[in-house]
Amino acid sequence: MRDHYDFSKMKGQKNPYAKHLKQPVTMRIDKPTIAYFKSLAEEMGMPYQSLINLYLRDCAMQHKKLHLKWAS
């Protein structure tokens, strides 16, 4: 591997697939839940949105289902 690479002649080019990788959404999440993920993310040294995304992705990949019974 070379010790030095000259990137000065490269033209900046955006990833054409980047806009398809993630979709912005608006969610209403209670304050204690956000506080929990923010503190956990701070411990791990990452943005809390990325941590929430990783957690939800793990749930989706493992087909986790929440078993709830709503009060009638």
C-alpha atoms as a PDB file:
ATOM      1  CA  MET A   1       0.000   0.000   0.000  1.00  0.00           C
ATOM      2  CA  ARG A   2       1.272   3.480  -0.772  1.00  0.00           C
ATOM      3  CA  ASP A   3       2.285   5.745   2.062  1.00  0.00           C
ATOM      4  CA  HIS A   4       0.850   8.809   0.330  1.00  0.00           C
ATOM      5  CA  TYR A   5      -2.152   9.261  -1.906  1.00  0.00           C
ATOM      6  CA  ASP A   6      -2.826  12.459  -3.846  1.00  0.00           C
ATOM      7  CA  PHE A   7      -6.551  13.216  -3.607  1.00  0.00           C
ATOM      8  CA  SER A   8      -6.206  16.837  -4.722  1.00  0.00           C
ATOM      9  CA  LYS A   9      -7.191  16.031  -8.315  1.00  0.00           C
ATOM     10  CA  MET A  10     -10.308  14.095  -7.400  1.00  0.00           C
ATOM     11  CA  LYS A  11     -13.635  15.761  -7.995  1.00  0.00           C
ATOM     12  CA  GLY A  12     -16.118  15.558  -5.143  1.00  0.00           C
ATOM     13  CA  GLN A  13     -19.054  13.423  -6.125  1.00  0.00           C
ATOM     14  CA  LYS A  14     -22.088  12.658  -4.010  1.00  0.00           C
ATOM     15  CA  ASN A  15     -23.176   9.086  -3.510  1.00  0.00           C
ATOM     16  CA  PRO A  16     -26.178   8.657  -5.842  1.00  0.00           C
ATOM     17  CA  TYR A  17     -27.624   5.988  -3.549  1.00  0.00           C
ATOM     18  CA  ALA A  18     -27.327   7.964  -0.304  1.00  0.00           C
ATOM     19  CA  LYS A  19     -30.869   9.330  -0.450  1.00  0.00           C
ATOM     20  CA  HIS A  20     -32.196   5.760  -0.665  1.00  0.00           C
ATOM     21  CA  LEU A  21     -30.271   4.496   2.357  1.00  0.00           C
ATOM     22  CA  LYS A  22     -32.312   6.223   5.056  1.00  0.00           C
ATOM     23  CA  GLN A  23     -35.696   7.879   5.135  1.00  0.00           C
ATOM     24  CA  PRO A  24     -36.390  10.807   7.437  1.00  0.00           C
ATOM     25  CA  VAL A  25     -39.453  10.288   9.640  1.00  0.00           C
ATOM     26  CA  THR A  26     -41.221  12.214  12.358  1.00  0.00           C
ATOM     27  CA  MET A  27     -42.049  10.259  15.499  1.00  0.00           C
ATOM     28  CA  ARG A  28     -43.460  11.221  18.861  1.00  0.00           C
ATOM     29  CA  ILE A  29     -41.315   9.568  21.512  1.00  0.00           C
ATOM     30  CA  ASP A  30     -41.704  10.298  25.219  1.00  0.00           C
ATOM     31  CA  LYS A  31     -38.998  12.304  26.978  1.00  0.00           C
ATOM     32  CA  PRO A  32     -37.749   9.536  29.315  1.00  0.00           C
ATOM     33  CA  THR A  33     -37.180   7.231  26.330  1.00  0.00           C
ATOM     34  CA  ILE A  34     -35.218   9.880  24.456  1.00  0.00           C
ATOM     35  CA  ALA A  35     -33.219  10.655  27.607  1.00  0.00           C
ATOM     36  CA  TYR A  36     -32.383   6.957  27.985  1.00  0.00           C
ATOM     37  CA  PHE A  37     -31.130   6.637  24.409  1.00  0.00           C
ATOM     38  CA  LYS A  38     -29.215   9.933  24.624  1.00  0.00           C
ATOM     39  CA  SER A  39     -27.372   8.856  27.777  1.00  0.00           C
ATOM     40  CA  LEU A  40     -26.642   5.408  26.349  1.00  0.00           C
ATOM     41  CA  ALA A  41     -25.423   6.931  23.077  1.00  0.00           C
ATOM     42  CA  GLU A  42     -23.184   9.352  24.963  1.00  0.00           C
ATOM     43  CA  GLU A  43     -21.589   6.419  26.807  1.00  0.00           C
ATOM     44  CA  MET A  44     -20.997   4.688  23.485  1.00  0.00           C
ATOM     45  CA  GLY A  45     -19.760   7.837  21.737  1.00  0.00           C
ATOM     46  CA  MET A  46     -22.322   7.898  18.957  1.00  0.00           C
ATOM     47  CA  PRO A  47     -25.358  10.003  17.954  1.00  0.00           C
ATOM     48  CA  TYR A  48     -28.548   8.898  19.675  1.00  0.00           C
ATOM     49  CA  GLN A  49     -30.471   8.787  16.387  1.00  0.00           C
ATOM     50  CA  SER A  50     -27.952   6.255  15.071  1.00  0.00           C
ATOM     51  CA  LEU A  51     -28.344   4.173  18.227  1.00  0.00           C
ATOM     52  CA  ILE A  52     -32.133   4.170  17.905  1.00  0.00           C
ATOM     53  CA  ASN A  53     -31.769   3.211  14.231  1.00  0.00           C
ATOM     54  CA  LEU A  54     -29.465   0.310  15.109  1.00  0.00           C
ATOM     55  CA  TYR A  55     -31.845  -0.897  17.806  1.00  0.00           C
ATOM     56  CA  LEU A  56     -34.865  -0.760  15.494  1.00  0.00           C
ATOM     57  CA  ARG A  57     -32.912  -2.437  12.686  1.00  0.00           C
ATOM     58  CA  ASP A  58     -31.957  -5.264  15.058  1.00  0.00           C
ATOM     59  CA  CYS A  59     -35.625  -5.678  16.040  1.00  0.00           C
ATOM     60  CA  ALA A  60     -36.653  -5.786  12.384  1.00  0.00           C
ATOM     61  CA  MET A  61     -33.939  -8.269  11.373  1.00  0.00           C
ATOM     62  CA  GLN A  62     -34.832 -10.610  14.225  1.00  0.00           C
ATOM     63  CA  HIS A  63     -38.583 -10.174  13.627  1.00  0.00           C
ATOM     64  CA  LYS A  64     -39.121  -9.170  17.249  1.00  0.00           C
ATOM     65  CA  LYS A  65     -42.718  -8.535  18.174  1.00  0.00           C
ATOM     66  CA  LEU A  66     -44.019  -6.661  21.173  1.00  0.00           C
ATOM     67  CA  HIS A  67     -46.802  -8.503  22.976  1.00  0.00           C
ATOM     68  CA  LEU A  68     -49.237  -5.961  24.387  1.00  0.00           C
ATOM     69  CA  LYS A  69     -52.752  -6.071  25.712  1.00  0.00           C
ATOM     70  CA  TRP A  70     -54.479  -2.714  25.593  1.00  0.00           C
ATOM     71  CA  ALA A  71     -56.942  -1.948  28.371  1.00  0.00           C
ATOM     72  CA  SER A  72     -60.502  -1.989  27.082  1.00  0.00           C
END
